[in-house]
Protein backbone atom coordinates (compact mmCIF):
# COMPACT_ATOMS: atom_id res chain seq x y z
CA UNK A 1 84.94 100.64 107.03
CA UNK A 2 85.21 103.79 109.14
CA UNK A 3 86.54 106.92 108.87
CA UNK A 4 88.03 108.77 111.52
CA UNK A 5 88.55 112.65 110.77
CA UNK A 6 91.23 114.98 111.85
CA UNK A 7 91.55 118.61 111.20
CA UNK A 8 95.02 121.01 111.41
CA UNK A 9 94.13 120.98 115.19
CA UNK A 10 96.61 120.08 117.81
CA UNK A 11 95.88 116.09 118.75
CA UNK A 12 96.80 116.50 122.74
CA UNK A 13 96.08 113.82 125.60
CA UNK A 14 92.10 114.98 125.67
CA UNK A 15 91.59 114.76 123.06
CA UNK A 16 93.56 111.26 121.83
CA UNK A 17 90.99 110.33 125.25
CA UNK A 18 88.21 111.49 123.96
CA UNK A 19 89.33 109.40 120.58
CA UNK A 20 89.11 106.63 121.96
CA UNK A 21 86.25 106.28 124.52
CA UNK A 22 83.67 107.71 121.07
CA UNK A 23 85.36 105.29 119.20
CA UNK A 24 85.17 102.84 121.32
CA UNK A 25 81.58 102.88 121.22
CA UNK A 26 81.41 100.72 118.31
CA UNK A 27 83.53 97.59 119.75
CA UNK A 28 86.80 97.28 120.45
CA UNK A 29 87.29 95.65 116.85
CA UNK A 30 86.48 99.04 115.41
CA UNK A 31 90.32 100.62 115.07
CA UNK A 32 91.06 97.39 112.73
CA UNK A 33 88.08 98.45 110.18
CA UNK A 34 89.56 102.49 110.79
CA UNK A 35 91.22 104.41 108.66
CA UNK A 36 92.51 108.63 109.97
CA UNK A 37 91.09 110.90 107.84
CA UNK A 38 93.44 113.91 107.44
CA UNK A 39 91.09 117.27 106.50
CA UNK A 40 92.39 120.69 105.20
CA UNK A 41 95.96 118.99 103.10
CA UNK A 42 96.98 122.20 102.37
CA UNK A 43 97.54 124.16 105.77
CA UNK A 44 100.41 121.48 105.66
CA UNK A 45 102.24 123.73 102.58
CA UNK A 46 105.55 121.46 102.32
CA UNK A 47 105.66 118.96 104.88
CA UNK A 48 104.21 115.89 104.04
CA UNK A 49 101.69 113.90 106.40
CA UNK A 50 103.98 112.00 108.14
CA UNK A 51 106.46 114.30 109.32
CA UNK A 52 103.15 116.30 110.85
CA UNK A 53 102.45 113.09 112.39
CA UNK A 54 105.96 112.68 113.53
CA UNK A 55 105.82 115.97 114.73
CA UNK A 56 102.71 116.43 116.13
CA UNK A 57 103.32 114.31 119.91
CA UNK A 58 102.30 110.98 121.48
CA UNK A 59 99.03 111.47 121.18
CA UNK A 60 98.75 111.97 117.67
CA UNK A 61 100.76 109.78 116.72
CA UNK A 62 98.67 106.36 119.25
CA UNK A 63 95.94 107.11 116.78
CA UNK A 64 97.66 106.66 113.55
CA UNK A 65 99.12 103.20 115.11
CA UNK A 66 96.04 102.03 116.40
CA UNK A 67 94.20 102.53 113.32
CA UNK A 68 97.31 99.62 111.78
CA UNK A 69 99.51 103.28 110.70
CA UNK A 70 96.56 103.94 108.11
CA UNK A 71 95.69 107.53 106.89
CA UNK A 72 95.05 109.64 104.58
CA UNK A 73 95.06 113.48 103.40
CA UNK A 74 92.65 115.66 101.40
CA UNK A 75 92.51 118.86 100.68
CA UNK A 76 88.82 119.43 100.73
CA UNK A 77 88.65 122.84 98.81
CA UNK A 78 89.61 120.83 95.57
CA UNK A 79 87.61 118.48 93.39
CA UNK A 80 90.68 116.51 92.64
CA UNK A 81 89.80 112.78 91.34
CA UNK A 82 93.62 111.46 92.44
CA UNK A 83 93.49 111.96 95.96
CA UNK A 84 90.00 110.29 96.60
CA UNK A 85 90.95 107.24 94.26
CA UNK A 86 94.42 106.66 96.06
CA UNK A 87 92.04 107.37 99.75
CA UNK A 88 89.15 104.32 97.66
CA UNK A 89 92.71 102.09 96.92
CA UNK A 90 93.46 102.34 100.85
CA UNK A 91 90.24 101.17 101.96
CA UNK A 92 90.39 98.61 99.43
CA UNK A 93 94.04 97.78 100.71
CA UNK A 94 92.71 97.37 104.77
CA UNK A 95 89.27 95.17 103.34
CA UNK A 96 91.70 92.93 101.98
CA UNK A 97 93.81 92.68 104.90
CA UNK A 98 90.62 92.17 107.29
CA UNK A 99 89.82 88.95 104.64
CA UNK A 100 87.04 90.70 103.11
CA UNK A 101 85.02 91.23 106.35
CA UNK A 102 83.45 94.63 106.95
CA UNK A 103 83.17 96.04 109.85
CA UNK A 104 80.36 93.80 112.10
CA UNK A 105 78.94 96.26 114.72
CA UNK A 106 78.15 94.89 118.05
CA UNK A 107 74.02 93.83 117.78
CA UNK A 108 74.19 94.12 121.94
CA UNK A 109 75.30 97.38 121.90
CA UNK A 110 73.51 98.59 119.17
CA UNK A 111 69.96 97.24 120.74
CA UNK A 112 71.02 98.43 124.95
CA UNK A 113 70.97 102.47 123.01
CA UNK A 114 68.05 101.94 121.09
CA UNK A 115 66.71 100.60 124.07
CA UNK A 116 67.88 103.93 126.01
CA UNK A 117 67.10 106.09 123.10
CA UNK A 118 63.31 105.15 123.75
CA UNK A 119 63.56 105.40 127.64
CA UNK A 120 64.74 108.60 127.44
CA UNK A 121 61.79 109.69 124.85
CA UNK A 122 59.23 107.94 127.15
CA UNK A 123 61.26 110.37 129.93
CA UNK A 124 60.81 113.59 127.61
CA UNK A 125 56.93 112.95 126.89
CA UNK A 126 56.15 112.52 130.84
CA UNK A 127 58.32 115.64 131.56
CA UNK A 128 56.26 117.41 128.68
CA UNK A 129 53.15 116.62 130.12
CA UNK A 130 54.13 117.81 133.36
CA UNK A 131 54.51 120.98 132.37
CA UNK A 132 51.64 121.19 130.14
CA UNK A 133 49.16 120.07 132.92
CA UNK A 134 51.26 122.49 135.06
CA UNK A 135 50.11 125.49 133.25
CA UNK A 136 46.89 124.04 132.19
CA UNK A 137 46.51 124.29 136.12
CA UNK A 138 47.18 127.64 136.55
CA UNK A 139 45.30 129.02 133.95
CA UNK A 140 41.93 127.67 135.31
CA UNK A 141 42.45 128.20 138.50
CA UNK A 142 40.43 131.21 139.63
CA UNK A 143 42.40 133.92 140.00
CA UNK A 144 43.94 133.06 136.77
CA UNK A 145 47.35 134.29 135.28
CA UNK A 146 47.57 137.85 135.29
CA UNK A 147 48.69 140.10 132.19
CA UNK A 148 52.33 141.80 133.07
CA UNK A 149 52.19 144.67 130.81
CA UNK A 150 55.84 146.76 132.49
CA UNK A 151 57.75 143.21 132.81
CA UNK A 152 60.93 142.94 134.36
CA UNK A 153 63.68 140.05 133.93
CA UNK A 154 67.68 139.71 134.48
CA UNK A 155 69.82 137.33 132.64
CA UNK A 156 72.34 135.36 134.44
CA UNK A 157 75.06 132.54 133.02
CA UNK A 158 77.54 131.13 131.95
CA UNK A 159 80.12 133.32 129.60
CA UNK A 160 79.75 132.96 126.22
CA UNK A 161 75.97 131.59 126.67
CA UNK A 162 73.71 133.85 125.29
CA UNK A 163 73.05 136.17 127.34
CA UNK A 164 73.50 139.42 125.11
CA UNK A 165 71.95 137.55 121.99
CA UNK A 166 68.86 136.47 124.57
CA UNK A 167 68.32 139.66 125.52
CA UNK A 168 68.17 141.13 121.95
CA UNK A 169 65.71 138.33 121.08
CA UNK A 170 63.34 139.43 123.26
CA UNK A 171 63.30 143.26 123.32
CA UNK A 172 63.56 142.41 118.70
CA UNK A 173 66.82 144.74 118.30
CA UNK A 174 69.95 144.68 118.29
CA UNK A 175 70.55 145.70 122.02
CA UNK A 176 72.95 144.56 123.39
CA UNK A 177 76.24 143.80 121.88
CA UNK A 178 77.61 140.66 121.39
CA UNK A 179 81.36 140.98 120.29
CA UNK A 180 83.09 141.74 124.05
CA UNK A 181 82.61 140.43 127.30
CA UNK A 182 80.40 141.86 129.51
CA UNK A 183 82.52 143.43 132.10
CA UNK A 184 78.96 145.02 134.60
CA UNK A 185 75.14 145.11 134.38
CA UNK A 186 73.71 146.21 131.45
CA UNK A 187 70.28 147.10 131.12
CA UNK A 188 67.63 148.20 128.68
CA UNK A 189 64.20 148.91 127.54
CA UNK A 190 61.60 148.43 124.67
CA UNK A 191 58.42 147.35 124.15
CA UNK A 192 57.15 143.06 122.85
CA UNK A 193 54.27 141.24 122.52
CA UNK A 194 52.18 144.43 123.46
CA UNK A 195 54.35 144.77 127.27
CA UNK A 196 56.89 146.68 128.13
CA UNK A 197 60.17 145.08 128.53
CA UNK A 198 62.98 146.30 130.57
CA UNK A 199 66.22 143.30 130.89
CA UNK A 200 69.71 143.39 132.05
CA UNK A 201 71.87 141.65 131.79
CA UNK A 202 74.56 140.63 134.40
CA UNK A 203 78.18 139.25 133.45
CA UNK A 204 78.82 135.46 133.39
CA UNK A 205 80.94 133.71 135.36
CA UNK A 206 83.74 131.16 134.14
CA UNK A 207 83.21 127.22 134.62
CA UNK A 208 84.67 127.48 138.80
CA UNK A 209 83.44 127.46 141.66
CA UNK A 210 82.11 131.14 143.27
CA UNK A 211 85.62 131.49 145.18
CA UNK A 212 87.58 131.32 142.22
CA UNK A 213 85.06 134.35 140.61
CA UNK A 214 86.28 138.01 140.45
CA UNK A 215 84.44 140.01 143.67
CA UNK A 216 83.55 142.35 141.49
CA UNK A 217 81.73 140.26 138.93
CA UNK A 218 79.89 138.46 142.23
CA UNK A 219 79.40 142.05 143.49
CA UNK A 220 77.11 143.03 139.60
CA UNK A 221 75.80 139.61 139.82
CA UNK A 222 73.84 140.64 143.12
CA UNK A 223 72.83 144.08 142.14
CA UNK A 224 71.84 143.05 138.77
CA UNK A 225 68.56 142.08 140.32
CA UNK A 226 68.28 146.40 141.69
CA UNK A 227 68.78 147.34 138.34
CA UNK A 228 64.81 146.78 137.98
CA UNK A 229 62.79 148.01 141.15
CA UNK A 230 60.92 146.60 143.22
CA UNK A 231 63.08 143.72 141.47
CA UNK A 232 62.41 141.51 138.72
CA UNK A 233 59.72 139.18 137.53
CA UNK A 234 62.20 136.65 135.59
CA UNK A 235 65.75 135.72 136.97
CA UNK A 236 66.40 133.78 133.15
CA UNK A 237 69.04 131.50 133.30
CA UNK A 238 70.79 131.34 129.90
CA UNK A 239 72.11 127.87 128.92
CA UNK A 240 73.91 127.15 125.09
CA UNK A 241 71.72 123.75 124.57
CA UNK A 242 75.14 122.54 122.54
CA UNK A 243 77.61 122.92 125.16
CA UNK A 244 77.82 119.23 127.30
CA UNK A 245 76.70 120.16 130.46
CA UNK A 246 78.93 118.53 133.03
CA UNK A 247 78.36 118.49 137.27
CA UNK A 248 81.06 120.95 137.07
CA UNK A 249 78.96 123.34 135.15
CA UNK A 250 76.22 122.62 137.67
CA UNK A 251 77.87 123.46 141.14
CA UNK A 252 78.76 127.11 139.14
CA UNK A 253 75.25 127.19 138.40
CA UNK A 254 74.48 126.74 141.84
CA UNK A 255 77.08 128.66 143.04
CA UNK A 256 76.38 131.39 141.47
CA UNK A 257 72.53 131.85 141.37
CA UNK A 258 72.80 131.38 145.17
CA UNK A 259 74.69 134.62 145.68
CA UNK A 260 71.05 136.24 145.41
CA UNK A 261 69.58 133.43 147.75
CA UNK A 262 68.22 130.41 147.86
CA UNK A 263 64.94 131.56 147.30
CA UNK A 264 66.57 132.40 143.28
CA UNK A 265 65.02 129.37 141.98
CA UNK A 266 61.57 129.80 142.71
CA UNK A 267 62.04 132.90 140.18
CA UNK A 268 64.17 131.42 137.45
CA UNK A 269 63.49 130.01 134.25
CA UNK A 270 65.56 127.88 132.31
CA UNK A 271 66.23 129.60 129.00
CA UNK A 272 68.32 127.13 126.30
CA UNK A 273 69.91 129.31 123.87
CA UNK A 274 70.86 127.98 120.26
CA UNK A 275 67.92 126.11 119.70
CA UNK A 276 68.97 125.41 116.02
CA UNK A 277 71.23 122.65 117.11
CA UNK A 278 68.62 121.27 118.24
CA UNK A 279 67.43 120.05 115.13
CA UNK A 280 64.79 117.32 115.22
CA UNK A 281 65.29 116.40 118.58
CA UNK A 282 62.34 118.18 121.35
CA UNK A 283 63.72 120.59 124.11
CA UNK A 284 62.26 117.58 126.62
CA UNK A 285 64.76 114.82 124.71
CA UNK A 286 67.78 117.15 125.23
CA UNK A 287 67.00 117.27 128.98
CA UNK A 288 66.58 113.43 129.72
CA UNK A 289 69.70 112.80 127.88
CA UNK A 290 71.56 115.58 128.89
CA UNK A 291 72.47 114.16 132.00
CA UNK A 292 71.91 114.03 136.18
CA UNK A 293 73.57 117.34 135.76
CA UNK A 294 71.24 119.69 133.24
CA UNK A 295 68.43 117.61 134.88
CA UNK A 296 69.37 119.29 138.11
CA UNK A 297 69.08 122.13 136.89
CA UNK A 298 65.86 122.06 135.54
CA UNK A 299 64.28 120.25 138.28
CA UNK A 300 65.41 123.32 140.84
CA UNK A 301 63.95 125.78 138.67
CA UNK A 302 60.27 124.22 138.97
CA UNK A 303 60.87 122.17 135.95
CA UNK A 304 60.60 125.83 133.72
CA UNK A 305 62.65 125.99 130.73
CA UNK A 306 62.33 127.41 126.93
CA UNK A 307 64.45 127.32 124.41
CA UNK A 308 65.21 129.74 121.48
CA UNK A 309 66.83 129.83 118.49
CA UNK A 310 68.97 133.65 118.66
CA UNK A 311 69.17 133.60 114.64
CA UNK A 312 65.73 134.04 114.41
CA UNK A 313 63.90 137.30 114.86
CA UNK A 314 60.69 135.31 115.91
CA UNK A 315 57.96 136.71 118.24
CA UNK A 316 55.56 133.70 118.43
CA UNK A 317 59.03 132.65 120.37
CA UNK A 318 59.92 135.06 122.73
CA UNK A 319 55.17 135.51 123.21
CA UNK A 320 55.48 131.82 124.65
CA UNK A 321 58.67 132.47 127.18
CA UNK A 322 56.79 136.04 128.50
CA UNK A 323 53.54 133.60 128.70
CA UNK A 324 55.82 131.18 130.90
CA UNK A 325 57.33 134.21 132.98
CA UNK A 326 53.61 135.23 133.72
CA UNK A 327 52.52 131.60 134.76
CA UNK A 328 55.41 131.70 136.96
CA UNK A 329 53.99 134.95 138.71
CA UNK A 330 51.17 133.52 138.92
CA UNK A 331 52.72 130.47 141.06
CA UNK A 332 54.45 132.81 143.30
CA UNK A 333 51.40 134.80 143.91
CA UNK A 334 50.27 135.87 146.83
CA UNK A 335 53.72 134.96 148.21
CA UNK A 336 55.03 137.42 145.99
CA UNK A 337 55.16 138.60 142.27
CA UNK A 338 58.34 140.46 142.06
CA UNK A 339 62.17 139.38 143.10
CA UNK A 340 62.92 141.65 146.02
CA UNK A 341 65.79 143.24 145.83
CA UNK A 342 66.08 144.65 149.55
CA UNK A 343 67.82 141.94 151.00
CA UNK A 344 69.97 141.66 147.59
CA UNK A 345 71.31 145.37 148.51
CA UNK A 346 72.27 144.24 152.26
CA UNK A 347 75.06 142.37 151.02
CA UNK A 348 78.21 144.09 150.64
CA UNK A 349 80.10 142.91 147.32
CA UNK A 350 81.53 139.28 147.99
């Protein structure tokens, strides 16, 4: 028996397609063992669930009918045994209709998923070891990794990715506002882990092509590096770890980052936010299971990445990030230890 949850949001064709694709991961027979369970029943008021279904549009009606017109509604705020008893009765009716047969998951699908998971875990471990080896090589080289006492970083990324929260995490206090949009570059300073830190947050971009981004926003992105002369030690590309990173995301990242020139990638670290969302999944496993678009970005940044939990004021996660920045700077030396701004400032606003 499978329960398909449905809240009080409008069910669009996009939602319907998502439901169909995800449910059918379990095989085509899944529908004959599924009941639609509507939540937030108190939201209906005097409207019956049948009236809600009929007025909810073709997408919602398709889902209900695909489930053999089996549905139930509950008020999750109530601990009402009656609504649960009625649900269990409907489940028994469905099982009887299926001649007592339980849902038999396709073992081949399960085997394929397990094999994919193992392969992703193997690649994740390889990525982790590769990063460790790169850092060890840098730190054991003749010059070593010098300590940067006055560090400058610029935060870049999509809107709502967590740039302001990341700035606050790095500085260890609330310096960047998180309630509204950043319309122009914001610079803040502080001391963290024995270093003087300058953090610049640039306006974010939408998940569009660079041509669709406002000229003012593009200009602010270009000028962001000038707020920490002679240039930032690192550009932090902020990516919310809970987002599905699509090809459209990848294209938007590439086009907006390259407003700063092709050399931008050698000075960039991917900073994943909302690390708590990962649970027991390592960041390497997330990258490997995140698809080619996400892997392309990480590899474009020289396989440099870090993850932070913005809910925590944990100095350890920030110290590790700053150490990775120092490693990157050492790796770019003697070509350039800071991302120069002169060529960027020669540009007019797009």
